[in-house]
Amino acid sequence: FYINGRYILQPEIFALLGNQQRGAGNEIQLTDAMVRLSKDQSFFAQPFKGRMFDCGSKEGFIQANIAFALARDDMKGPVFEMLQEFVRSHERQEEAA
């Protein structure tokens, strides 16, 4: 499963976060505390239907922003042209190398 979106959490989560061991990336992970809390409380979720991006990675963040821009009528033309120019410029640099 992939956890995405906004959370409405009960106050008990903060006590767990206060003594949560560091996880991935040496960071305190909210999801680790949520797993611990799920042993005592129910969680409710709304399944997501759509495309997801991993905005925790540089590439995913860029993908999300490009997809967002290309989905907007006021942005898709200029952004598409910009992307095409980036590709053309990259191809020229590769040919020159």
Protein backbone atom coordinates (compact mmCIF):
# COMPACT_ATOMS: atom_id res chain seq x y z
CA PHE A 1 0.00 0.00 0.00
CA TYR A 2 0.99 3.59 -0.55
CA ILE A 3 0.07 6.26 1.98
CA ASN A 4 -0.72 9.59 0.41
CA GLY A 5 -2.65 12.71 1.23
CA ARG A 6 -3.87 14.39 4.35
CA TYR A 7 -4.36 12.94 7.79
CA ILE A 8 -6.83 13.63 10.55
CA LEU A 9 -5.16 12.05 13.55
CA GLN A 10 -6.09 11.63 17.17
CA PRO A 11 -3.94 13.42 19.80
CA GLU A 12 -2.42 10.11 20.94
CA ILE A 13 -0.14 10.15 17.91
CA PHE A 14 1.96 12.94 19.44
CA ALA A 15 2.96 10.87 22.47
CA LEU A 16 4.10 8.12 20.10
CA LEU A 17 6.02 10.58 17.93
CA GLY A 18 7.74 11.90 21.06
CA ASN A 19 9.46 8.58 21.63
CA GLN A 20 9.53 7.29 18.05
CA GLN A 21 12.87 5.90 16.91
CA ARG A 22 14.28 7.35 13.73
CA GLY A 23 13.48 5.39 10.60
CA ALA A 24 14.15 5.84 6.89
CA GLY A 25 16.50 8.72 6.14
CA ASN A 26 17.24 8.97 9.88
CA GLU A 27 13.95 10.84 10.22
CA ILE A 28 11.06 10.36 12.61
CA GLN A 29 8.47 8.70 10.39
CA LEU A 30 4.81 9.55 10.95
CA THR A 31 3.81 6.29 9.28
CA ASP A 32 5.85 4.27 11.79
CA ALA A 33 3.95 5.92 14.65
CA MET A 34 0.67 5.34 12.80
CA VAL A 35 1.44 1.62 12.58
CA ARG A 36 2.03 1.54 16.33
CA LEU A 37 -1.19 3.46 17.00
CA SER A 38 -3.17 1.19 14.68
CA LYS A 39 -2.78 -1.58 17.25
CA ASP A 40 -5.02 0.43 19.61
CA GLN A 41 -7.15 2.60 17.29
CA SER A 42 -8.92 2.21 14.00
CA PHE A 43 -7.89 4.21 10.97
CA PHE A 44 -10.15 5.10 8.09
CA ALA A 45 -8.98 5.71 4.55
CA GLN A 46 -10.35 6.80 1.22
CA PRO A 47 -8.86 4.86 -1.68
CA PHE A 48 -7.25 7.13 -4.25
CA LYS A 49 -8.03 6.74 -7.93
CA GLY A 50 -5.53 8.56 -10.04
CA ARG A 51 -1.86 8.88 -10.75
CA MET A 52 0.52 9.12 -7.82
CA PHE A 53 3.97 10.64 -7.69
CA ASP A 54 6.72 10.13 -5.14
CA CYS A 55 7.33 13.75 -4.23
CA GLY A 56 9.90 12.57 -1.70
CA SER A 57 12.32 12.04 -4.59
CA LYS A 58 13.69 14.77 -6.84
CA GLU A 59 12.48 13.00 -9.97
CA GLY A 60 9.00 12.38 -8.57
CA PHE A 61 8.68 16.01 -7.49
CA ILE A 62 9.57 17.17 -11.01
CA GLN A 63 7.19 14.63 -12.58
CA ALA A 64 4.34 15.80 -10.35
CA ASN A 65 4.89 19.44 -11.24
CA ILE A 66 5.13 18.73 -14.97
CA ALA A 67 1.99 16.57 -14.90
CA PHE A 68 0.16 19.30 -12.97
CA ALA A 69 1.23 21.97 -15.45
CA LEU A 70 0.33 19.86 -18.50
CA ALA A 71 -3.14 19.23 -17.06
CA ARG A 72 -3.87 22.97 -16.87
CA ASP A 73 -5.21 24.74 -19.94
CA ASP A 74 -3.41 27.96 -18.99
CA MET A 75 -0.02 26.24 -18.64
CA LYS A 76 0.16 23.21 -20.91
CA GLY A 77 1.17 25.03 -24.10
CA PRO A 78 4.08 27.03 -22.68
CA VAL A 79 5.26 24.16 -20.49
CA PHE A 80 5.13 21.66 -23.36
CA GLU A 81 7.15 24.04 -25.53
CA MET A 82 9.67 24.54 -22.72
CA LEU A 83 10.07 20.77 -22.32
CA GLN A 84 10.57 20.33 -26.06
CA GLU A 85 13.28 23.00 -26.00
CA PHE A 86 14.99 21.29 -23.06
CA VAL A 87 15.01 18.00 -24.99
CA ARG A 88 16.31 19.66 -28.17
CA SER A 89 19.04 21.44 -26.21
CA HIS A 90 20.02 18.21 -24.47
CA GLU A 91 20.17 16.37 -27.81
CA ARG A 92 22.40 19.10 -29.29
CA GLN A 93 24.74 18.85 -26.31
CA GLU A 94 24.89 15.06 -26.64
CA GLU A 95 25.68 15.31 -30.36
CA ALA A 96 28.45 17.85 -29.71
CA ALA A 97 30.08 15.69 -27.03
